[in-house]
Protein backbone atom coordinates (compact mmCIF):
# COMPACT_ATOMS: atom_id res chain seq x y z
CA MET A 1 -33.85 -12.25 73.64
CA ILE A 2 -36.05 -9.47 72.17
CA ALA A 3 -33.10 -8.01 70.13
CA GLN A 4 -32.53 -11.50 68.68
CA VAL A 5 -36.45 -11.73 67.84
CA MET A 6 -36.06 -8.21 66.24
CA ILE A 7 -33.03 -9.16 64.31
CA LEU A 8 -34.87 -12.30 62.85
CA ALA A 9 -38.02 -10.20 61.99
CA VAL A 10 -35.80 -7.89 60.04
CA ILE A 11 -34.19 -10.80 58.07
CA PHE A 12 -37.49 -12.34 57.40
CA SER A 13 -38.75 -9.04 56.11
CA LEU A 14 -35.94 -8.37 53.72
CA PHE A 15 -36.13 -11.97 52.40
CA SER A 16 -39.92 -11.76 51.75
CA ASN A 17 -39.40 -8.54 50.05
CA HIS A 18 -36.55 -9.75 47.82
CA CYS A 19 -38.91 -12.78 46.96
CA THR A 20 -41.81 -10.70 46.16
CA ALA A 21 -39.64 -8.53 43.96
CA GLN A 22 -38.36 -11.50 42.16
CA SER A 23 -41.81 -12.78 41.59
CA ALA A 24 -42.95 -9.31 40.33
CA THR A 25 -40.29 -9.02 37.86
CA PHE A 26 -41.06 -12.72 36.32
CA VAL A 27 -43.15 -12.28 33.29
CA LYS A 28 -44.40 -15.19 31.34
CA LYS A 29 -43.28 -15.82 27.72
CA ARG A 30 -46.17 -14.93 25.38
CA VAL A 31 -46.47 -17.54 22.63
CA TRP A 32 -48.64 -17.51 19.41
CA ILE A 33 -49.20 -20.73 17.63
CA ASP A 34 -49.82 -20.77 13.89
CA THR A 35 -51.18 -24.20 12.76
CA ASP A 36 -52.75 -25.88 9.88
CA ASN A 37 -54.41 -28.33 12.33
CA LYS A 38 -57.24 -30.38 10.74
CA PHE A 39 -57.25 -33.20 13.24
CA GLY A 40 -59.90 -35.87 12.57
CA LYS A 41 -60.20 -35.20 8.92
CA TYR A 42 -59.56 -38.25 6.75
CA ASN A 43 -55.86 -38.87 6.09
CA ARG A 44 -54.65 -35.76 7.62
CA ASP A 45 -51.74 -35.82 9.92
CA VAL A 46 -52.14 -35.67 13.60
CA ASP A 47 -48.92 -33.70 14.45
CA ASP A 48 -50.51 -30.30 15.18
CA LEU A 49 -52.85 -31.78 17.65
CA LEU A 50 -50.20 -33.33 19.57
CA ALA A 51 -47.86 -30.14 19.51
CA ILE A 52 -50.62 -27.98 20.69
CA ILE A 53 -51.51 -30.50 23.56
CA SER A 54 -47.92 -30.23 24.70
CA CYS A 55 -47.87 -26.53 24.84
CA LEU A 56 -51.13 -26.20 26.97
CA ASN A 57 -51.14 -25.31 30.78
CA GLN A 58 -47.49 -24.45 30.89
CA ASP A 59 -45.97 -22.51 33.78
CA SER A 60 -43.24 -20.76 31.68
CA PHE A 61 -45.38 -19.33 28.99
CA ASP A 62 -49.02 -18.29 27.98
CA ILE A 63 -50.56 -19.06 24.65
CA VAL A 64 -51.99 -15.67 23.68
CA GLY A 65 -53.47 -16.79 20.50
CA ILE A 66 -53.75 -19.57 17.84
CA GLY A 67 -53.82 -18.72 14.03
CA LEU A 68 -54.99 -21.17 11.54
CA ALA A 69 -53.54 -21.43 8.03
CA ARG A 70 -54.66 -23.68 5.49
CA ALA A 71 -57.27 -25.08 7.76
CA GLY A 72 -60.55 -23.62 6.96
CA HIS A 73 -63.92 -24.05 8.79
CA TYR A 74 -63.00 -27.63 9.81
CA GLY A 75 -59.57 -26.60 11.35
CA TYR A 76 -61.48 -23.95 13.33
CA LYS A 77 -63.91 -26.52 14.74
CA ALA A 78 -61.19 -29.08 15.37
CA THR A 79 -59.01 -26.70 17.30
CA GLN A 80 -62.10 -25.45 19.37
CA LYS A 81 -62.73 -29.03 20.31
CA LEU A 82 -59.21 -29.89 21.17
CA LEU A 83 -59.10 -26.62 23.63
CA LYS A 84 -62.42 -27.55 25.09
CA ASN A 85 -61.31 -30.84 26.08
CA TYR A 86 -57.54 -30.19 26.89
CA ALA A 87 -57.75 -26.52 28.17
CA PRO A 88 -61.42 -25.62 29.02
CA ASN A 89 -60.47 -22.68 31.41
CA ALA A 90 -57.80 -21.37 29.16
CA LYS A 91 -59.86 -19.16 27.11
CA ILE A 92 -57.27 -19.01 24.25
CA PRO A 93 -58.66 -17.22 21.12
CA ILE A 94 -58.44 -18.83 17.72
CA TYR A 95 -58.33 -16.79 14.59
CA GLN A 96 -58.95 -17.84 10.97
CA GLY A 97 -56.10 -17.08 8.59
CA ALA A 98 -55.25 -17.59 5.13
CA ILE A 99 -56.86 -20.73 3.38
CA HIS A 100 -54.40 -20.99 0.52
CA ASN A 101 -50.79 -19.74 0.00
CA ARG A 102 -52.18 -17.06 -2.60
CA ASP A 103 -54.31 -15.51 0.23
CA THR A 104 -51.71 -12.66 0.96
CA GLY A 105 -54.15 -10.21 2.20
CA GLN A 106 -55.19 -9.46 5.78
CA THR A 107 -57.24 -12.09 7.94
CA ALA A 108 -58.54 -12.22 11.41
CA ALA A 109 -55.28 -14.06 12.21
CA SER A 110 -52.79 -11.55 10.69
CA MET A 111 -54.71 -8.50 12.25
CA ALA A 112 -54.76 -10.15 15.76
CA LEU A 113 -51.16 -10.92 15.62
CA GLN A 114 -50.37 -7.34 14.50
CA ASP A 115 -52.32 -5.98 17.43
CA LEU A 116 -50.50 -8.20 19.92
CA LEU A 117 -47.11 -7.38 18.47
CA LYS A 118 -47.94 -3.79 18.97
CA GLN A 119 -48.32 -4.29 22.72
CA HIS A 120 -45.84 -7.14 23.63
CA LYS A 121 -42.95 -9.13 22.72
CA ILE A 122 -44.13 -12.52 21.08
CA THR A 123 -42.67 -15.83 20.50
CA LEU A 124 -44.07 -17.51 17.38
CA LEU A 125 -44.44 -21.18 17.00
CA VAL A 126 -45.25 -21.99 13.47
CA LEU A 127 -46.45 -25.42 12.72
CA GLY A 128 -47.85 -24.70 9.32
CA PRO A 129 -47.04 -22.44 6.34
CA ALA A 130 -45.58 -18.92 7.28
CA THR A 131 -48.43 -17.37 5.32
CA ASN A 132 -50.14 -15.59 8.35
CA ILE A 133 -46.82 -14.42 9.57
CA ALA A 134 -45.89 -12.86 6.16
CA ALA A 135 -49.27 -11.11 5.95
CA ALA A 136 -48.89 -9.65 9.49
CA LEU A 137 -45.74 -8.08 8.75
CA HIS A 138 -46.53 -7.09 5.26
CA GLN A 139 -46.03 -3.32 5.31
CA ASN A 140 -45.59 -3.54 9.14
CA THR A 141 -41.96 -4.57 9.20
CA GLN A 142 -41.38 -2.26 12.16
CA LEU A 143 -43.15 -4.92 14.15
CA ALA A 144 -40.24 -7.51 13.29
CA PRO A 145 -38.36 -6.60 16.45
CA GLN A 146 -41.24 -7.54 18.61
CA ILE A 147 -40.92 -11.16 17.63
CA GLU A 148 -38.50 -12.74 20.23
CA GLU A 149 -38.22 -15.96 18.25
CA LEU A 150 -39.90 -17.64 15.37
CA ILE A 151 -39.76 -21.45 15.68
CA PHE A 152 -40.49 -23.17 12.50
CA CYS A 153 -41.32 -26.83 11.56
CA GLY A 154 -38.98 -27.02 8.45
CA GLY A 155 -35.64 -26.72 6.97
CA ARG A 156 -32.85 -29.40 6.64
CA THR A 157 -29.06 -29.78 6.54
CA GLU A 158 -27.59 -29.59 3.08
CA ASN A 159 -28.74 -32.24 0.83
CA THR A 160 -30.72 -34.22 3.20
CA VAL A 161 -33.61 -36.14 1.78
CA PHE A 162 -36.54 -36.84 3.89
CA GLN A 163 -36.90 -40.50 3.29
CA LEU A 164 -37.46 -42.87 6.22
CA ASN A 165 -36.41 -46.03 4.26
CA LYS A 166 -35.84 -47.31 0.87
CA LYS A 167 -39.29 -48.31 0.27
CA ALA A 168 -40.86 -45.09 1.48
CA PHE A 169 -41.37 -41.99 -0.95
CA PRO A 170 -39.47 -39.00 0.11
CA MET A 171 -41.40 -36.68 2.30
CA ARG A 172 -41.91 -32.86 1.48
CA ASP A 173 -40.66 -30.02 3.67
CA ALA A 174 -44.36 -29.50 3.87
CA ASN A 175 -44.72 -26.12 5.69
CA PHE A 176 -41.80 -24.58 3.57
CA ASP A 177 -42.85 -26.06 0.29
CA TYR A 178 -46.42 -25.17 0.51
CA ASP A 179 -45.70 -21.36 0.76
CA THR A 180 -42.00 -20.78 0.02
CA SER A 181 -42.76 -16.86 -0.76
CA SER A 182 -44.07 -16.08 2.62
CA PHE A 183 -41.33 -17.80 4.34
CA LEU A 184 -38.91 -16.04 2.33
CA LYS A 185 -40.38 -12.71 3.14
CA VAL A 186 -39.93 -13.60 6.84
CA LEU A 187 -36.53 -14.86 6.45
CA ARG A 188 -35.30 -11.47 4.91
CA LEU A 189 -36.46 -9.65 8.11
CA ASP A 190 -34.24 -9.42 11.14
CA ILE A 191 -35.99 -12.05 13.32
CA PRO A 192 -34.28 -14.88 15.32
CA ILE A 193 -35.40 -18.06 13.51
CA VAL A 194 -35.26 -21.61 14.91
CA LEU A 195 -35.75 -24.45 12.28
CA ALA A 196 -36.85 -27.65 14.11
CA GLY A 197 -38.38 -30.09 11.64
CA TYR A 198 -37.83 -33.49 10.05
CA GLU A 199 -34.24 -34.15 11.34
CA ALA A 200 -35.04 -32.87 15.02
CA ALA A 201 -38.06 -35.21 15.11
CA LEU A 202 -36.58 -38.47 13.87
CA PRO A 203 -35.93 -40.11 17.22
CA LEU A 204 -39.52 -39.22 18.41
CA ILE A 205 -41.50 -42.27 17.49
CA LEU A 206 -44.90 -43.13 18.93
CA HIS A 207 -46.15 -46.82 18.86
CA ARG A 208 -49.60 -48.44 19.44
CA GLN A 209 -48.55 -49.34 23.13
CA ASP A 210 -47.75 -45.63 23.82
CA LEU A 211 -51.51 -44.84 23.05
CA LYS A 212 -53.23 -47.63 25.16
CA SER A 213 -54.10 -45.15 27.98
CA LEU A 214 -56.27 -43.16 25.52
CA LYS A 215 -58.07 -46.19 24.33
CA ARG A 216 -59.19 -47.15 28.11
CA ASN A 217 -60.04 -43.54 29.02
CA LYS A 218 -63.67 -42.69 30.05
CA ASN A 219 -63.40 -39.27 28.13
CA SER A 220 -65.01 -39.69 24.70
CA TYR A 221 -62.71 -37.14 23.15
CA GLN A 222 -59.73 -39.12 24.06
CA ARG A 223 -61.22 -42.20 22.65
CA PHE A 224 -61.63 -40.12 19.43
CA VAL A 225 -58.00 -39.12 19.52
CA TYR A 226 -57.02 -42.82 19.91
CA LYS A 227 -58.95 -43.77 16.99
CA LYS A 228 -57.44 -41.18 14.78
CA LEU A 229 -53.90 -41.70 16.06
CA ASN A 230 -54.35 -45.60 15.57
CA ARG A 231 -55.43 -44.89 11.97
CA TRP A 232 -52.28 -42.78 11.47
CA LEU A 233 -50.13 -45.69 12.61
CA PHE A 234 -51.92 -47.92 9.87
CA PHE A 235 -51.17 -45.01 7.22
CA TRP A 236 -47.33 -45.04 8.26
CA LYS A 237 -47.11 -48.76 7.95
CA LYS A 238 -49.13 -49.20 4.78
CA PHE A 239 -47.55 -46.22 2.79
CA LEU A 240 -44.22 -45.53 4.35
CA TYR A 241 -43.40 -49.12 5.53
CA PHE A 242 -42.66 -47.88 8.96
CA GLU A 243 -43.61 -49.17 12.53
CA GLY A 244 -45.03 -46.13 14.48
CA PHE A 245 -45.17 -42.70 13.43
CA ILE A 246 -43.15 -39.50 14.02
CA PRO A 247 -45.18 -36.47 15.21
CA PHE A 248 -42.88 -33.72 13.62
CA ASP A 249 -44.78 -30.67 15.02
CA ALA A 250 -44.42 -32.10 18.53
CA ALA A 251 -40.69 -32.17 18.20
CA THR A 252 -40.94 -28.44 17.09
CA ALA A 253 -42.94 -27.67 20.13
CA ALA A 254 -40.21 -29.37 22.38
CA TYR A 255 -37.94 -26.30 21.77
CA LEU A 256 -40.59 -24.46 24.04
CA THR A 257 -41.41 -27.05 26.67
CA HIS A 258 -38.16 -29.08 26.80
CA LYS A 259 -35.41 -26.91 25.49
CA GLN A 260 -32.93 -29.02 27.56
CA SER A 261 -33.87 -32.14 25.21
CA CYS A 262 -33.12 -30.16 21.94
CA ASN A 263 -29.65 -30.38 20.25
CA CYS A 264 -29.45 -27.15 18.39
CA VAL A 265 -26.73 -25.29 16.53
CA GLU A 266 -26.86 -21.52 16.68
CA ASN A 267 -25.84 -19.04 14.18
CA ILE A 268 -25.38 -21.54 11.24
CA PRO A 269 -25.82 -19.95 7.72
CA VAL A 270 -29.11 -20.77 5.83
CA ARG A 271 -29.69 -20.79 2.13
CA VAL A 272 -32.77 -21.07 -0.12
CA SER A 273 -31.76 -22.36 -3.60
CA TRP A 274 -33.30 -24.32 -6.49
CA LYS A 275 -32.42 -27.98 -6.76
CA ILE A 276 -33.72 -31.12 -8.44
CA ASN A 277 -37.15 -31.96 -7.00
CA ASP A 278 -37.25 -35.07 -4.79
CA THR A 279 -40.97 -34.79 -4.30
CA ASN A 280 -42.28 -34.35 -7.71
CA ARG A 281 -46.11 -34.60 -7.02
CA GLY A 282 -48.96 -32.46 -5.80
CA TYR A 283 -48.09 -28.90 -4.95
CA THR A 284 -44.43 -29.68 -5.45
CA LYS A 285 -44.73 -30.89 -8.85
CA GLY A 286 -41.97 -29.95 -11.19
CA LYS A 287 -38.42 -30.68 -12.09
CA GLN A 288 -37.02 -28.32 -9.53
CA LYS A 289 -38.09 -26.75 -6.20
CA LEU A 290 -36.61 -24.31 -3.54
CA TYR A 291 -34.95 -26.14 -0.60
CA LEU A 292 -34.43 -24.45 2.76
CA GLU A 293 -31.02 -25.65 3.86
CA VAL A 294 -28.40 -24.97 6.70
CA SER A 295 -24.61 -25.53 6.52
CA ALA A 296 -21.41 -24.29 8.24
CA ASN A 297 -19.94 -24.31 4.83
CA PHE A 298 -22.42 -21.73 3.41
CA ASP A 299 -21.19 -18.03 3.03
CA GLU A 300 -24.62 -16.48 3.58
CA LYS A 301 -24.87 -13.70 6.05
CA ARG A 302 -28.36 -14.68 7.31
CA LYS A 303 -28.00 -17.30 10.14
CA VAL A 304 -30.27 -19.26 12.17
CA THR A 305 -30.61 -21.77 15.00
CA PHE A 306 -30.97 -25.44 13.59
CA CYS A 307 -32.25 -28.30 15.70
CA ASN A 308 -30.67 -31.60 15.36
CA PRO A 309 -32.42 -34.92 16.46
CA ILE A 310 -33.80 -34.34 20.02
CA ALA A 311 -33.40 -36.47 23.03
CA ALA A 312 -36.69 -38.38 22.72
CA HIS A 313 -36.17 -40.20 26.04
CA GLN A 314 -36.71 -36.78 27.87
CA PHE A 315 -39.58 -35.41 25.80
CA LYS A 316 -41.74 -38.63 24.81
CA PRO A 317 -42.84 -39.38 28.37
CA PHE A 318 -44.00 -35.81 28.78
CA LEU A 319 -45.81 -36.09 25.50
CA ILE A 320 -47.70 -39.25 26.38
CA GLU A 321 -48.67 -37.95 29.76
CA LYS A 322 -50.01 -34.64 28.17
CA MET A 323 -52.06 -36.66 25.75
CA ARG A 324 -53.57 -38.78 28.67
CA VAL A 325 -54.39 -36.04 31.10
CA VAL A 326 -57.70 -34.12 30.43
CA PRO A 327 -58.24 -31.33 32.90
CA LYS A 328 -61.76 -31.59 34.84
């Protein structure tokens, strides 16, 4: 009997040591989010807020910093308020970055990202233009191997027009269009890039009934979120003739939180080329513009991962729940 007990004790000890060794070797992925979040500002999109919320309080990765591009003081305050309500204990630092695409110099965001890359491998979730990323790597290209992946809300399959229906005006590939120069600088580096934008997000449609729990919530910030999301629903119906809205950035974030729901093609050639402009207005005004496209028929050596439409039935319930739950 004593011998049996001793044998069991040895087995238990070995099992415990094995489990301890496994847990000791597990290192959470470190994620930097770069965003142009201006949630709450009149007629500004709501996508960044939903994407950031979906990434908070995750077991598989830690957010080590949030860089703001094209967001300004309003964006800083809006992101602070978001974190205060949805991740009050997370202590995620926010860094102000480039205000305009012509701001190619160093900023708090680019310098903070440089410091992190000098110490750790980092995954970049880029929900806005790549201005901060290009600035961080300018004259610091030796840091490029420290980037495990750059997940970008942008890109398209060859000749795809971002038009929801015949009545709606074509949408821009906004993050790429706003600062093509910065993205091209990043694309030239040996960084694994994932393109998850318009086409990936198409099945992910939020309707008014998906937001009801926010309206009834006792939390005043969630009621504020409901008000702005409801306003965005109105904007899509009035100007895009579309019932519901598609949170494009949230679908990009799904590659981090629900990779199993993403239908991606790896090692597909990518090309940037001039074509006739299908969004001849605002910052894309002109007869031609640059397009970021992928195709198996391209002969370019540069390859990326491209995400096709996600399995929205897997990701959408998670996103709705993340919107609803505010940590105490």
